[in-house]
Amino acid sequence: MLIGGHDISFWLAVLGAAILKLATSPRMTWLRSLISVFAALFVAWVFTKPALAFLDLDRDTYTIPVAVLIGLTGEGLCKWLIFSANNPKEAIEFLKIWRAK
């Protein structure tokens, strides 16, 4: 059975990653926790197939591992992109420092 173009194992893996992220994060409200889980699911759903195509990885082998990694990091990347859009000078300075290391 496919949900959003992915089978149930994809969704269980991404949900597991989201729960792991919640378990290792500082205390959050219920609303914040729900938003975090939704963000992980959404970002994994949107970006897994493009990431596989960009990296030229075999879909049968790497879909779930890539989805889990995107689910774990996606919310943080989205927050950083929003921060960058609102504070471009600070984001550029951060990238310069990060790139120098």
N, C-alpha and C. Protein backbone atom coordinates (compact mmCIF):
# COMPACT_ATOMS: atom_id res chain seq x y z
N MET A 1 0.84 -1.17 0.00
CA MET A 1 0.00 0.00 0.00
C MET A 1 0.89 1.25 0.00
N LEU A 2 0.64 2.14 -0.94
CA LEU A 2 1.42 3.37 -1.04
C LEU A 2 0.67 4.54 -0.42
N ILE A 3 1.40 5.34 0.32
CA ILE A 3 0.86 6.56 0.91
C ILE A 3 1.76 7.69 0.45
N GLY A 4 1.24 8.61 -0.31
CA GLY A 4 2.05 9.71 -0.81
C GLY A 4 3.19 9.24 -1.71
N GLY A 5 2.99 8.13 -2.40
CA GLY A 5 4.02 7.62 -3.30
C GLY A 5 5.08 6.76 -2.63
N HIS A 6 4.92 6.49 -1.35
CA HIS A 6 5.90 5.67 -0.61
C HIS A 6 5.18 4.56 0.14
N ASP A 7 5.89 3.44 0.32
CA ASP A 7 5.28 2.35 1.07
C ASP A 7 5.36 2.59 2.58
N ILE A 8 4.74 1.72 3.32
CA ILE A 8 4.62 1.91 4.77
C ILE A 8 5.97 1.87 5.47
N SER A 9 6.93 1.12 4.94
CA SER A 9 8.25 1.04 5.59
C SER A 9 8.96 2.40 5.55
N PHE A 10 8.75 3.17 4.48
CA PHE A 10 9.30 4.52 4.38
C PHE A 10 8.74 5.38 5.51
N TRP A 11 7.42 5.36 5.66
CA TRP A 11 6.78 6.22 6.66
C TRP A 11 7.13 5.80 8.08
N LEU A 12 7.23 4.49 8.32
CA LEU A 12 7.62 4.03 9.66
C LEU A 12 9.05 4.44 9.99
N ALA A 13 9.95 4.37 9.00
CA ALA A 13 11.34 4.77 9.23
C ALA A 13 11.44 6.26 9.52
N VAL A 14 10.73 7.08 8.76
CA VAL A 14 10.77 8.53 8.98
C VAL A 14 10.10 8.89 10.30
N LEU A 15 9.00 8.24 10.63
CA LEU A 15 8.34 8.47 11.92
C LEU A 15 9.27 8.07 13.06
N GLY A 16 9.98 6.95 12.91
CA GLY A 16 10.96 6.54 13.92
C GLY A 16 12.05 7.58 14.08
N ALA A 17 12.52 8.15 12.98
CA ALA A 17 13.54 9.20 13.05
C ALA A 17 12.99 10.43 13.77
N ALA A 18 11.75 10.78 13.48
CA ALA A 18 11.13 11.95 14.13
C ALA A 18 10.99 11.72 15.64
N ILE A 19 10.61 10.51 16.02
CA ILE A 19 10.47 10.19 17.45
C ILE A 19 11.84 10.20 18.12
N LEU A 20 12.85 9.67 17.45
CA LEU A 20 14.21 9.72 17.98
C LEU A 20 14.67 11.16 18.19
N LYS A 21 14.36 12.00 17.22
CA LYS A 21 14.71 13.42 17.32
C LYS A 21 14.01 14.06 18.52
N LEU A 22 12.74 13.75 18.71
CA LEU A 22 12.00 14.29 19.86
C LEU A 22 12.59 13.79 21.18
N ALA A 23 12.96 12.51 21.21
CA ALA A 23 13.48 11.92 22.44
C ALA A 23 14.83 12.53 22.83
N THR A 24 15.59 13.00 21.85
CA THR A 24 16.91 13.55 22.14
C THR A 24 16.92 15.07 22.15
N SER A 25 15.76 15.69 22.01
CA SER A 25 15.65 17.15 22.02
C SER A 25 15.25 17.63 23.41
N PRO A 26 15.53 18.91 23.70
CA PRO A 26 15.05 19.46 24.96
C PRO A 26 13.51 19.40 25.02
N ARG A 27 12.98 19.52 26.21
CA ARG A 27 11.52 19.46 26.37
C ARG A 27 10.81 20.44 25.44
N MET A 28 9.76 19.95 24.83
CA MET A 28 8.95 20.79 23.94
C MET A 28 7.49 20.63 24.33
N THR A 29 6.70 21.63 23.99
CA THR A 29 5.26 21.54 24.22
C THR A 29 4.69 20.51 23.25
N TRP A 30 3.44 20.11 23.50
CA TRP A 30 2.78 19.16 22.60
C TRP A 30 2.67 19.74 21.19
N LEU A 31 2.32 21.01 21.10
CA LEU A 31 2.18 21.63 19.78
C LEU A 31 3.53 21.65 19.06
N ARG A 32 4.55 22.05 19.76
CA ARG A 32 5.90 22.09 19.16
C ARG A 32 6.35 20.70 18.73
N SER A 33 6.02 19.69 19.53
CA SER A 33 6.37 18.31 19.18
C SER A 33 5.64 17.86 17.92
N LEU A 34 4.34 18.18 17.85
CA LEU A 34 3.57 17.82 16.65
C LEU A 34 4.10 18.52 15.41
N ILE A 35 4.45 19.78 15.54
CA ILE A 35 5.01 20.53 14.42
C ILE A 35 6.34 19.91 13.99
N SER A 36 7.15 19.52 14.94
CA SER A 36 8.44 18.91 14.63
C SER A 36 8.28 17.59 13.88
N VAL A 37 7.36 16.75 14.33
CA VAL A 37 7.09 15.48 13.65
C VAL A 37 6.55 15.73 12.25
N PHE A 38 5.59 16.66 12.13
CA PHE A 38 5.05 16.99 10.81
C PHE A 38 6.15 17.49 9.88
N ALA A 39 7.02 18.35 10.40
CA ALA A 39 8.11 18.89 9.58
C ALA A 39 9.03 17.77 9.10
N ALA A 40 9.37 16.83 9.97
CA ALA A 40 10.23 15.71 9.58
C ALA A 40 9.57 14.87 8.49
N LEU A 41 8.29 14.57 8.66
CA LEU A 41 7.57 13.78 7.66
C LEU A 41 7.47 14.53 6.33
N PHE A 42 7.13 15.80 6.41
CA PHE A 42 6.97 16.61 5.20
C PHE A 42 8.28 16.75 4.43
N VAL A 43 9.34 17.10 5.13
CA VAL A 43 10.62 17.31 4.47
C VAL A 43 11.14 16.00 3.86
N ALA A 44 10.97 14.89 4.57
CA ALA A 44 11.39 13.60 4.01
C ALA A 44 10.57 13.25 2.77
N TRP A 45 9.27 13.51 2.82
CA TRP A 45 8.40 13.23 1.68
C TRP A 45 8.78 14.07 0.47
N VAL A 46 9.08 15.34 0.68
CA VAL A 46 9.38 16.24 -0.42
C VAL A 46 10.78 16.01 -0.99
N PHE A 47 11.77 15.77 -0.14
CA PHE A 47 13.16 15.82 -0.61
C PHE A 47 13.86 14.47 -0.79
N THR A 48 13.27 13.35 -0.39
CA THR A 48 13.96 12.07 -0.53
C THR A 48 14.21 11.71 -1.99
N LYS A 49 13.18 11.73 -2.81
CA LYS A 49 13.37 11.36 -4.22
C LYS A 49 14.32 12.30 -4.95
N PRO A 50 14.20 13.63 -4.77
CA PRO A 50 15.18 14.51 -5.41
C PRO A 50 16.61 14.27 -4.92
N ALA A 51 16.79 13.98 -3.63
CA ALA A 51 18.13 13.72 -3.11
C ALA A 51 18.71 12.45 -3.73
N LEU A 52 17.89 11.42 -3.85
CA LEU A 52 18.34 10.18 -4.49
C LEU A 52 18.74 10.42 -5.94
N ALA A 53 17.95 11.21 -6.64
CA ALA A 53 18.26 11.51 -8.05
C ALA A 53 19.54 12.35 -8.15
N PHE A 54 19.66 13.37 -7.31
CA PHE A 54 20.83 14.24 -7.34
C PHE A 54 22.12 13.46 -7.03
N LEU A 55 22.04 12.58 -6.05
CA LEU A 55 23.21 11.79 -5.65
C LEU A 55 23.39 10.53 -6.50
N ASP A 56 22.44 10.29 -7.40
CA ASP A 56 22.47 9.13 -8.29
C ASP A 56 22.59 7.82 -7.50
N LEU A 57 21.74 7.69 -6.48
CA LEU A 57 21.74 6.49 -5.64
C LEU A 57 20.62 5.55 -6.07
N ASP A 58 20.84 4.26 -5.85
CA ASP A 58 19.84 3.24 -6.15
C ASP A 58 18.65 3.40 -5.22
N ARG A 59 17.46 3.57 -5.77
CA ARG A 59 16.26 3.81 -4.95
C ARG A 59 15.92 2.63 -4.05
N ASP A 60 16.07 1.42 -4.57
CA ASP A 60 15.71 0.25 -3.76
C ASP A 60 16.59 0.12 -2.53
N THR A 61 17.85 0.50 -2.65
CA THR A 61 18.79 0.35 -1.55
C THR A 61 18.78 1.53 -0.59
N TYR A 62 18.66 2.75 -1.12
CA TYR A 62 18.92 3.94 -0.31
C TYR A 62 17.72 4.80 0.05
N THR A 63 16.53 4.47 -0.40
CA THR A 63 15.38 5.33 -0.11
C THR A 63 15.17 5.51 1.39
N ILE A 64 15.12 4.43 2.14
CA ILE A 64 14.83 4.54 3.57
C ILE A 64 15.97 5.22 4.33
N PRO A 65 17.25 4.84 4.11
CA PRO A 65 18.31 5.56 4.84
C PRO A 65 18.35 7.06 4.53
N VAL A 66 18.15 7.42 3.28
CA VAL A 66 18.16 8.85 2.92
C VAL A 66 16.96 9.55 3.55
N ALA A 67 15.81 8.91 3.55
CA ALA A 67 14.61 9.49 4.16
C ALA A 67 14.82 9.72 5.65
N VAL A 68 15.46 8.78 6.32
CA VAL A 68 15.72 8.92 7.76
C VAL A 68 16.66 10.10 8.00
N LEU A 69 17.74 10.19 7.23
CA LEU A 69 18.67 11.30 7.40
C LEU A 69 18.01 12.64 7.12
N ILE A 70 17.20 12.69 6.08
CA ILE A 70 16.49 13.94 5.77
C ILE A 70 15.47 14.25 6.86
N GLY A 71 14.78 13.23 7.37
CA GLY A 71 13.82 13.46 8.45
C GLY A 71 14.49 13.99 9.71
N LEU A 72 15.70 13.49 10.02
CA LEU A 72 16.42 13.95 11.21
C LEU A 72 16.95 15.37 11.06
N THR A 73 17.39 15.72 9.88
CA THR A 73 18.05 17.02 9.68
C THR A 73 17.17 18.07 9.02
N GLY A 74 16.08 17.65 8.42
CA GLY A 74 15.26 18.55 7.61
C GLY A 74 14.70 19.75 8.34
N GLU A 75 14.18 19.54 9.54
CA GLU A 75 13.59 20.67 10.28
C GLU A 75 14.66 21.71 10.60
N GLY A 76 15.83 21.24 11.02
CA GLY A 76 16.93 22.17 11.33
C GLY A 76 17.37 22.95 10.10
N LEU A 77 17.44 22.26 8.96
CA LEU A 77 17.81 22.95 7.73
C LEU A 77 16.76 23.98 7.32
N CYS A 78 15.50 23.62 7.49
CA CYS A 78 14.42 24.57 7.17
C CYS A 78 14.49 25.80 8.08
N LYS A 79 14.74 25.58 9.37
CA LYS A 79 14.87 26.70 10.30
C LYS A 79 16.02 27.60 9.89
N TRP A 80 17.15 26.98 9.48
CA TRP A 80 18.31 27.77 9.09
C TRP A 80 18.02 28.56 7.82
N LEU A 81 17.31 27.97 6.87
CA LEU A 81 16.96 28.69 5.64
C LEU A 81 16.05 29.88 5.93
N ILE A 82 15.10 29.71 6.84
CA ILE A 82 14.22 30.82 7.22
C ILE A 82 15.02 31.90 7.93
N PHE A 83 15.92 31.49 8.83
CA PHE A 83 16.80 32.45 9.49
C PHE A 83 17.63 33.21 8.45
N SER A 84 18.17 32.49 7.47
CA SER A 84 19.00 33.11 6.43
C SER A 84 18.22 34.11 5.60
N ALA A 85 16.98 33.78 5.31
CA ALA A 85 16.16 34.69 4.52
C ALA A 85 15.88 35.97 5.30
N ASN A 86 15.74 35.86 6.60
CA ASN A 86 15.45 37.02 7.44
C ASN A 86 16.71 37.80 7.85
N ASN A 87 17.86 37.13 7.84
CA ASN A 87 19.13 37.73 8.28
C ASN A 87 20.25 37.36 7.31
N PRO A 88 20.20 37.82 6.07
CA PRO A 88 21.19 37.36 5.09
C PRO A 88 22.63 37.70 5.44
N LYS A 89 22.88 38.86 6.03
CA LYS A 89 24.26 39.23 6.38
C LYS A 89 24.83 38.28 7.44
N GLU A 90 24.03 37.96 8.45
CA GLU A 90 24.48 37.02 9.48
C GLU A 90 24.71 35.63 8.90
N ALA A 91 23.85 35.21 7.99
CA ALA A 91 23.99 33.90 7.37
C ALA A 91 25.27 33.84 6.53
N ILE A 92 25.58 34.91 5.82
CA ILE A 92 26.80 34.95 5.01
C ILE A 92 28.03 34.88 5.92
N GLU A 93 28.00 35.62 7.02
CA GLU A 93 29.12 35.57 7.97
C GLU A 93 29.29 34.16 8.55
N PHE A 94 28.17 33.53 8.89
CA PHE A 94 28.22 32.17 9.41
C PHE A 94 28.85 31.23 8.38
N LEU A 95 28.44 31.33 7.13
CA LEU A 95 28.98 30.47 6.08
C LEU A 95 30.46 30.72 5.86
N LYS A 96 30.89 31.97 5.94
CA LYS A 96 32.32 32.27 5.80
C LYS A 96 33.12 31.61 6.90
N ILE A 97 32.64 31.70 8.13
CA ILE A 97 33.33 31.08 9.26
C ILE A 97 33.34 29.56 9.13
N TRP A 98 32.20 29.00 8.77
CA TRP A 98 32.07 27.54 8.63
C TRP A 98 32.96 27.03 7.51
N ARG A 99 33.02 27.75 6.42
CA ARG A 99 33.81 27.35 5.26
C ARG A 99 35.31 27.43 5.56
N ALA A 100 35.71 28.34 6.41
CA ALA A 100 37.12 28.53 6.74
C ALA A 100 37.67 27.37 7.58
N LYS A 101 36.80 26.64 8.26
CA LYS A 101 37.25 25.56 9.14
C LYS A 101 37.62 24.33 8.37
